[in-house]
Amino acid sequence: MKLSFFTMPIHPLGKPVWQSLAEDREAFLLADKLGFAEAYCGEHTTDAAEIITSTVAFLASLAYETKQIRLGTGTVNLPNAHPARIAAEVAMLDHMLEGRLNFGISPGGLLSDAEVFGNLDNDRNAMFVECIDMVLDIWAGKAPYDLSGQFFSVTTSRTMMPEIGQGEIIKPYQTPHPPIVGTAVAPYSKGVTAMAARGWDPISANFLLPKWVATHWPNYADGCAKGGRTASYANWRVAKNICVAPTKETARAYARDPGSPYVLYFSQLLQKMQAAGRLNLFKDDPQMPDEAVTLDNVLDALVIHGDPQSVADQILALREVTGPFQHLIYAGHDWTDYDLGRNSMILMAEEVLPLLQDATRAEAA
């Protein structure tokens, strides 16, 4: 069992931005120190609670302070940027990290971001595919590129000066490019199949009910078969909201009482998903009326909390529902209580993970 970290941090409105960013950075540095395998962060442009506006810029601030952890864009929202900029910036970050980069991509899910970039009414899935294809073509090809699509075009043919390097976009450190991952946010996600067929791997989102996470594995295995590779549970990353404390009572209070960062996260997420018509993510039964989707029900289903032994037991029980994934991603939340937030990560790595590894060692063998 591997342990990694992912955050699309929702911070309290009014909390100083500098403080939130400093704590987010500290969480990544702590994950590196604790031996987490990977760490990802999301990005949004138009959200005062989610204040990481560029995953590439944020990770660049960590490149020379982390030592062993792989850092991942989680994700670059492709329709909201030009493929030439994405190709150049991600390649630069890969060099800064000397190959410790995973390239996480998605169409982006925040509607206000789509609106501000002028693509709210566009087919953003089509934009996503065209953009990633151009990024890969840039990395595989040679200047002046001459790429043209429905949404983007890339060329430096009129200004190319090869003798001095003008017109070239740098290629990544890793060959042919950083590993590509995508976040799966829907039940029975067809995107999982398409990603796997192209050699990419999924992260099952931390806000999906376990029964919907379980629908990702068959699609992933099908996509791997189409792409000519063997599906491995080691490559299926499953994200989960987890609060670990020395006692069950302390963990329950931090996970569920008023003022909890987990309560803040899901109260905001519920409003966003309701506005986007996506409350189905939180429904055990698709026929369930929207008004039956309550914050308490969502927290019950999606937040694991307790002391180290009870958290390990809950994660093992989760795998009975989802399937035996071997790469768990701990979802980061605001450090509303600095000590509890930080200590939860420490307990997860130093006490919960060894319990999980002992329980799953036979699977790896």
Protein backbone atom coordinates (compact mmCIF):
# COMPACT_ATOMS: atom_id res chain seq x y z
CA MET A 1 0.00 0.00 0.00
CA LYS A 2 1.32 3.42 -0.99
CA LEU A 3 0.27 6.69 0.62
CA SER A 4 0.09 9.99 -1.23
CA PHE A 5 -1.41 13.45 -0.72
CA PHE A 6 -3.88 15.54 -2.72
CA THR A 7 -5.50 18.87 -1.95
CA MET A 8 -7.94 21.19 -3.63
CA PRO A 9 -7.89 23.27 -0.47
CA ILE A 10 -11.06 25.10 0.55
CA HIS A 11 -10.08 27.71 3.10
CA PRO A 12 -12.40 29.83 5.24
CA LEU A 13 -13.42 33.07 3.56
CA GLY A 14 -11.58 35.90 5.25
CA LYS A 15 -8.56 33.82 6.27
CA PRO A 16 -5.45 35.65 5.03
CA VAL A 17 -4.40 34.28 1.64
CA TRP A 18 -0.73 34.34 2.61
CA GLN A 19 -1.47 32.18 5.66
CA SER A 20 -3.47 29.63 3.69
CA LEU A 21 -0.75 29.35 1.06
CA ALA A 22 1.97 29.04 3.70
CA GLU A 23 0.07 26.22 5.42
CA ASP A 24 -0.60 24.48 2.10
CA ARG A 25 3.14 24.59 1.35
CA GLU A 26 3.94 23.28 4.81
CA ALA A 27 1.61 20.31 4.24
CA PHE A 28 3.54 19.38 1.09
CA LEU A 29 6.88 19.72 2.85
CA LEU A 30 5.57 17.60 5.71
CA ALA A 31 4.35 14.95 3.25
CA ASP A 32 7.85 14.82 1.76
CA LYS A 33 9.44 14.47 5.20
CA LEU A 34 6.97 11.72 6.20
CA GLY A 35 7.66 9.65 3.08
CA PHE A 36 4.42 10.19 1.16
CA ALA A 37 4.96 8.88 -2.39
CA GLU A 38 3.26 11.72 -4.32
CA ALA A 39 1.55 15.05 -3.63
CA TYR A 40 -0.93 16.87 -5.89
CA CYS A 41 -2.71 20.22 -5.76
CA GLY A 42 -5.57 21.64 -7.78
CA GLU A 43 -6.03 25.10 -9.26
CA HIS A 44 -8.87 27.55 -9.68
CA THR A 45 -8.85 31.13 -10.90
CA THR A 46 -12.21 32.42 -9.63
CA ASP A 47 -12.65 31.10 -6.11
CA ALA A 48 -11.86 33.10 -2.97
CA ALA A 49 -11.85 29.89 -0.90
CA GLU A 50 -9.62 27.86 -3.24
CA ILE A 51 -6.69 30.22 -3.59
CA ILE A 52 -4.11 28.14 -5.47
CA THR A 53 -4.60 29.77 -8.85
CA SER A 54 -1.81 27.90 -10.64
CA THR A 55 -0.79 24.36 -9.73
CA VAL A 56 2.43 24.76 -11.73
CA ALA A 57 3.43 27.95 -9.89
CA PHE A 58 2.61 26.44 -6.50
CA LEU A 59 4.62 23.28 -7.17
CA ALA A 60 7.51 25.31 -8.54
CA SER A 61 7.74 26.96 -5.11
CA LEU A 62 8.39 23.48 -3.67
CA ALA A 63 10.76 22.12 -6.30
CA TYR A 64 14.03 22.84 -4.52
CA GLU A 65 12.77 22.27 -0.97
CA THR A 66 11.39 18.75 -1.45
CA LYS A 67 13.79 15.83 -1.63
CA GLN A 68 12.05 12.58 -2.56
CA ILE A 69 8.34 13.05 -3.12
CA ARG A 70 6.89 13.17 -6.63
CA LEU A 71 4.83 16.30 -7.12
CA GLY A 72 1.76 16.34 -9.34
CA THR A 73 -0.40 18.93 -11.00
CA GLY A 74 -3.82 18.01 -9.70
CA THR A 75 -4.94 19.21 -12.14
CA VAL A 76 -4.05 21.60 -14.94
CA ASN A 77 -7.46 22.61 -16.29
CA LEU A 78 -6.63 22.37 -19.97
CA PRO A 79 -9.47 24.37 -21.58
CA ASN A 80 -8.46 27.42 -19.54
CA ALA A 81 -4.97 27.82 -21.01
CA HIS A 82 -3.18 27.62 -24.34
CA PRO A 83 -1.40 24.31 -25.13
CA ALA A 84 1.88 26.09 -25.91
CA ARG A 85 1.95 27.69 -22.47
CA ILE A 86 1.04 24.40 -20.78
CA ALA A 87 3.71 22.48 -22.71
CA ALA A 88 6.38 25.06 -21.85
CA GLU A 89 5.50 25.51 -18.17
CA VAL A 90 5.07 21.81 -17.40
CA ALA A 91 8.35 20.99 -19.17
CA MET A 92 10.12 23.67 -17.13
CA LEU A 93 8.65 22.30 -13.88
CA ASP A 94 9.75 18.79 -14.85
CA HIS A 95 13.32 20.07 -15.20
CA MET A 96 13.12 21.94 -11.89
CA LEU A 97 12.09 18.67 -10.23
CA GLU A 98 14.60 16.60 -12.25
CA GLY A 99 11.85 14.20 -13.24
CA ARG A 100 9.85 14.06 -9.97
CA LEU A 101 6.71 15.31 -11.72
CA ASN A 102 3.37 13.73 -12.57
CA PHE A 103 1.23 15.64 -15.06
CA GLY A 104 -2.36 15.68 -13.84
CA ILE A 105 -4.93 16.99 -16.32
CA SER A 106 -8.67 17.59 -16.52
CA PRO A 107 -11.32 19.65 -18.32
CA GLY A 108 -11.85 21.66 -15.12
CA GLY A 109 -15.00 21.53 -13.05
CA LEU A 110 -15.52 25.07 -11.70
CA LEU A 111 -18.14 26.82 -13.80
CA SER A 112 -17.00 30.33 -12.87
CA ASP A 113 -13.54 29.49 -14.23
CA ALA A 114 -15.13 28.37 -17.50
CA GLU A 115 -17.10 31.60 -17.66
CA VAL A 116 -14.17 33.90 -16.97
CA PHE A 117 -12.11 32.20 -19.69
CA GLY A 118 -14.98 32.41 -22.17
CA ASN A 119 -15.60 28.69 -22.59
CA LEU A 120 -18.69 28.18 -20.43
CA ASP A 121 -20.79 27.33 -23.49
CA ASN A 122 -18.08 25.40 -25.31
CA ASP A 123 -17.61 21.64 -25.39
CA ARG A 124 -14.89 21.61 -22.74
CA ASN A 125 -14.29 17.88 -23.10
CA ALA A 126 -13.47 18.47 -26.76
CA MET A 127 -11.23 21.38 -25.77
CA PHE A 128 -9.52 19.13 -23.23
CA VAL A 129 -8.75 16.42 -25.81
CA GLU A 130 -7.53 18.90 -28.42
CA CYS A 131 -5.33 20.68 -25.89
CA ILE A 132 -3.62 17.57 -24.50
CA ASP A 133 -3.08 16.21 -28.02
CA MET A 134 -1.34 19.45 -28.97
CA VAL A 135 0.78 19.45 -25.81
CA LEU A 136 1.95 15.92 -26.60
CA ASP A 137 2.55 16.85 -30.25
CA ILE A 138 4.67 19.82 -29.15
CA TRP A 139 6.77 17.60 -26.90
CA ALA A 140 7.15 14.91 -29.56
CA GLY A 141 7.62 17.24 -32.51
CA LYS A 142 9.91 19.96 -33.76
CA ALA A 143 9.42 23.68 -34.18
CA PRO A 144 7.67 25.43 -35.85
CA TYR A 145 4.98 22.80 -34.97
CA ASP A 146 2.16 24.06 -37.30
CA LEU A 147 -0.72 22.59 -35.28
CA SER A 148 -4.26 23.71 -35.95
CA GLY A 149 -7.55 22.64 -34.37
CA GLN A 150 -11.06 23.81 -33.61
CA PHE A 151 -10.02 25.73 -30.50
CA PHE A 152 -6.25 26.24 -30.60
CA SER A 153 -3.40 26.72 -33.04
CA VAL A 154 0.35 26.46 -32.45
CA THR A 155 3.10 27.65 -34.76
CA THR A 156 6.28 29.73 -34.78
CA SER A 157 6.82 29.43 -38.53
CA ARG A 158 6.94 33.19 -39.21
CA THR A 159 9.46 33.99 -36.49
CA MET A 160 11.62 30.86 -36.30
CA MET A 161 15.36 31.47 -35.84
CA PRO A 162 16.80 27.99 -35.23
CA GLU A 163 20.41 29.14 -35.13
CA ILE A 164 19.76 30.95 -31.83
CA GLY A 165 16.94 28.72 -30.54
CA GLN A 166 14.08 31.17 -31.12
CA GLY A 167 10.79 29.46 -31.81
CA GLU A 168 11.56 26.29 -29.81
CA ILE A 169 9.59 25.08 -26.78
CA ILE A 170 11.69 23.08 -24.33
CA LYS A 171 10.95 19.38 -23.95
CA PRO A 172 10.36 17.73 -20.56
CA TYR A 173 13.11 16.22 -18.42
CA GLN A 174 11.37 12.82 -18.54
CA THR A 175 11.20 10.94 -21.81
CA PRO A 176 8.90 11.17 -23.63
CA HIS A 177 7.04 13.19 -20.97
CA PRO A 178 5.95 13.05 -17.30
CA PRO A 179 3.48 10.30 -16.37
CA ILE A 180 -0.06 11.52 -17.03
CA VAL A 181 -2.88 11.09 -14.53
CA GLY A 182 -6.47 12.26 -14.58
CA THR A 183 -9.04 12.73 -11.84
CA ALA A 184 -12.18 10.61 -12.25
CA VAL A 185 -15.16 12.47 -10.77
CA ALA A 186 -18.18 10.61 -12.14
CA PRO A 187 -19.76 7.18 -11.57
CA TYR A 188 -18.99 4.74 -14.41
CA SER A 189 -16.56 7.31 -15.81
CA LYS A 190 -15.94 6.73 -19.52
CA GLY A 191 -12.97 9.04 -19.15
CA VAL A 192 -11.24 6.38 -17.06
CA THR A 193 -11.43 3.96 -19.98
CA ALA A 194 -10.14 6.55 -22.44
CA MET A 195 -7.29 7.57 -20.14
CA ALA A 196 -6.20 4.01 -19.49
CA ALA A 197 -6.24 3.18 -23.20
CA ARG A 198 -3.75 6.02 -23.75
CA GLY A 199 -1.43 4.79 -21.00
CA TRP A 200 -2.62 7.21 -18.34
CA ASP A 201 -3.78 6.36 -14.80
CA PRO A 202 -6.77 7.62 -12.78
CA ILE A 203 -7.27 9.21 -9.39
CA SER A 204 -10.76 8.40 -8.09
CA ALA A 205 -11.99 11.61 -6.48
CA ASN A 206 -12.37 12.04 -2.73
CA PHE A 207 -15.96 13.29 -3.07
CA LEU A 208 -17.35 10.16 -4.74
CA LEU A 209 -19.38 7.63 -2.76
CA PRO A 210 -17.48 4.33 -2.36
CA LYS A 211 -20.01 2.45 -4.51
CA TRP A 212 -19.30 4.87 -7.39
CA VAL A 213 -15.54 4.59 -6.90
CA ALA A 214 -16.00 0.85 -7.37
CA THR A 215 -17.29 1.48 -10.90
CA HIS A 216 -13.91 2.90 -11.95
CA TRP A 217 -11.89 -0.30 -11.75
CA PRO A 218 -13.75 -2.24 -14.49
CA ASN A 219 -13.47 0.77 -16.80
CA TYR A 220 -9.80 1.16 -15.99
CA ALA A 221 -9.13 -2.52 -16.64
CA ASP A 222 -11.03 -2.30 -19.93
CA GLY A 223 -9.02 0.73 -21.01
CA CYS A 224 -5.73 -0.94 -20.11
CA ALA A 225 -6.71 -3.97 -22.20
CA LYS A 226 -7.50 -1.69 -25.15
CA GLY A 227 -4.12 -0.02 -24.71
CA GLY A 228 -2.26 -3.33 -24.56
CA ARG A 229 -1.17 -3.19 -20.95
CA THR A 230 -2.04 -5.03 -17.77
CA ALA A 231 -4.22 -3.24 -15.26
CA SER A 232 -2.64 -3.06 -11.80
CA TYR A 233 -4.27 -2.10 -8.51
CA ALA A 234 -0.96 -0.44 -7.67
CA ASN A 235 -1.64 2.18 -10.36
CA TRP A 236 -5.20 2.94 -9.25
CA ARG A 237 -5.12 5.92 -6.92
CA VAL A 238 -8.14 6.39 -4.64
CA ALA A 239 -8.49 9.65 -2.72
CA LYS A 240 -10.24 9.79 0.64
CA ASN A 241 -11.02 12.39 3.30
CA ILE A 242 -9.34 11.19 6.49
CA CYS A 243 -9.00 12.71 9.95
CA VAL A 244 -6.72 10.88 12.39
CA ALA A 245 -6.29 11.91 16.02
CA PRO A 246 -4.98 10.22 19.17
CA THR A 247 -8.56 9.51 20.27
CA LYS A 248 -11.80 8.80 18.45
CA GLU A 249 -13.50 11.63 20.31
CA THR A 250 -10.97 14.24 19.21
CA ALA A 251 -11.11 13.04 15.61
CA ARG A 252 -14.91 13.06 15.53
CA ALA A 253 -15.05 16.61 16.87
CA TYR A 254 -12.50 17.93 14.34
CA ALA A 255 -14.21 16.11 11.47
CA ARG A 256 -17.83 16.93 12.31
CA ASP A 257 -18.35 19.82 14.75
CA PRO A 258 -19.22 23.37 13.60
CA GLY A 259 -16.07 25.08 12.38
CA SER A 260 -14.60 21.81 11.10
CA PRO A 261 -12.58 22.11 7.88
CA TYR A 262 -14.29 18.94 6.63
CA VAL A 263 -17.70 20.48 7.23
CA LEU A 264 -16.56 23.65 5.42
CA TYR A 265 -15.24 21.62 2.49
CA PHE A 266 -18.40 19.62 1.91
CA SER A 267 -20.82 22.45 2.60
CA GLN A 268 -19.12 24.42 -0.19
CA LEU A 269 -18.86 21.40 -2.45
CA LEU A 270 -22.56 20.59 -2.02
CA GLN A 271 -23.51 24.10 -3.14
CA LYS A 272 -21.20 23.92 -6.14
CA MET A 273 -22.44 20.49 -7.23
CA GLN A 274 -26.07 21.48 -6.77
CA ALA A 275 -25.55 24.56 -8.96
CA ALA A 276 -23.85 22.38 -11.58
CA GLY A 277 -26.62 19.74 -11.49
CA ARG A 278 -24.25 17.08 -10.17
CA LEU A 279 -25.74 16.04 -6.84
CA ASN A 280 -25.88 12.51 -8.26
CA LEU A 281 -22.29 12.13 -7.02
CA PHE A 282 -23.66 12.06 -3.48
CA LYS A 283 -26.67 9.82 -4.10
CA ASP A 284 -26.60 6.19 -3.12
CA ASP A 285 -29.65 5.73 -5.35
CA PRO A 286 -29.87 7.83 -8.56
CA GLN A 287 -33.65 8.14 -8.02
CA MET A 288 -33.09 9.82 -4.68
CA PRO A 289 -34.54 13.39 -4.62
CA ASP A 290 -32.06 16.26 -4.37
CA GLU A 291 -33.50 17.44 -1.07
CA ALA A 292 -32.57 14.09 0.49
CA VAL A 293 -28.88 14.86 -0.06
CA THR A 294 -27.92 16.41 3.27
CA LEU A 295 -24.60 17.60 4.59
CA ASP A 296 -24.73 15.08 7.45
CA ASN A 297 -25.34 12.20 5.04
CA VAL A 298 -22.45 13.28 2.83
CA LEU A 299 -20.08 13.63 5.79
CA ASP A 300 -21.13 10.20 7.08
CA ALA A 301 -20.35 8.62 3.73
CA LEU A 302 -17.20 10.47 2.74
CA VAL A 303 -15.15 11.34 5.83
CA ILE A 304 -13.19 8.68 7.68
CA HIS A 305 -12.24 9.75 11.21
CA GLY A 306 -10.92 8.11 14.34
CA ASP A 307 -7.80 6.94 16.14
CA PRO A 308 -5.12 5.15 14.07
CA GLN A 309 -6.51 1.63 14.50
CA SER A 310 -10.11 2.59 13.72
CA VAL A 311 -9.03 4.61 10.68
CA ALA A 312 -7.05 1.64 9.36
CA ASP A 313 -10.07 -0.60 9.91
CA GLN A 314 -12.33 1.83 8.03
CA ILE A 315 -9.94 2.03 5.09
CA LEU A 316 -9.74 -1.74 4.87
CA ALA A 317 -13.55 -1.86 4.97
CA LEU A 318 -13.64 0.75 2.20
CA ARG A 319 -11.52 -1.52 0.00
CA GLU A 320 -14.13 -4.25 0.45
CA VAL A 321 -16.56 -1.94 -1.35
CA THR A 322 -14.33 -0.25 -3.92
CA GLY A 323 -11.96 -3.07 -4.76
CA PRO A 324 -8.41 -3.60 -3.46
CA PHE A 325 -6.70 -0.41 -4.60
CA GLN A 326 -3.07 -0.23 -3.47
CA HIS A 327 -2.46 3.51 -3.66
CA LEU A 328 -4.36 5.60 -1.12
CA ILE A 329 -4.40 9.37 -1.46
CA TYR A 330 -4.96 11.37 1.72
CA ALA A 331 -7.06 14.45 0.93
CA GLY A 332 -5.70 17.60 2.54
CA HIS A 333 -7.99 20.18 4.15
CA ASP A 334 -7.54 23.56 5.79
CA TRP A 335 -5.52 23.47 9.00
CA THR A 336 -8.26 25.20 10.98
CA ASP A 337 -6.56 23.78 14.07
CA TYR A 338 -2.90 23.86 13.09
CA ASP A 339 -1.81 21.12 15.49
CA LEU A 340 -4.69 18.74 14.73
CA GLY A 341 -4.40 19.23 10.98
CA ARG A 342 -0.66 18.62 10.98
CA ASN A 343 -0.80 15.75 13.44
CA SER A 344 -3.43 13.95 11.36
CA MET A 345 -0.91 13.64 8.53
CA ILE A 346 1.80 12.45 10.91
CA LEU A 347 -0.43 9.78 12.46
CA MET A 348 -1.58 8.72 9.00
CA ALA A 349 1.99 8.11 7.83
CA GLU A 350 3.55 6.79 11.03
CA GLU A 351 0.74 4.72 12.55
CA VAL A 352 -2.08 4.08 10.05
CA LEU A 353 0.03 3.26 6.99
CA PRO A 354 2.04 0.49 8.72
CA LEU A 355 -1.25 -1.14 9.78
CA LEU A 356 -2.50 -1.00 6.19
CA GLN A 357 0.77 -2.36 4.84
CA ASP A 358 0.70 -5.27 7.29
CA ALA A 359 -2.89 -6.07 6.32
CA THR A 360 -2.23 -5.92 2.57
CA ARG A 361 1.28 -7.36 2.37
CA ALA A 362 0.02 -10.69 1.01
CA GLU A 363 -1.60 -8.87 -1.94
CA ALA A 364 1.70 -7.34 -3.00
CA ALA A 365 3.37 -10.73 -2.79
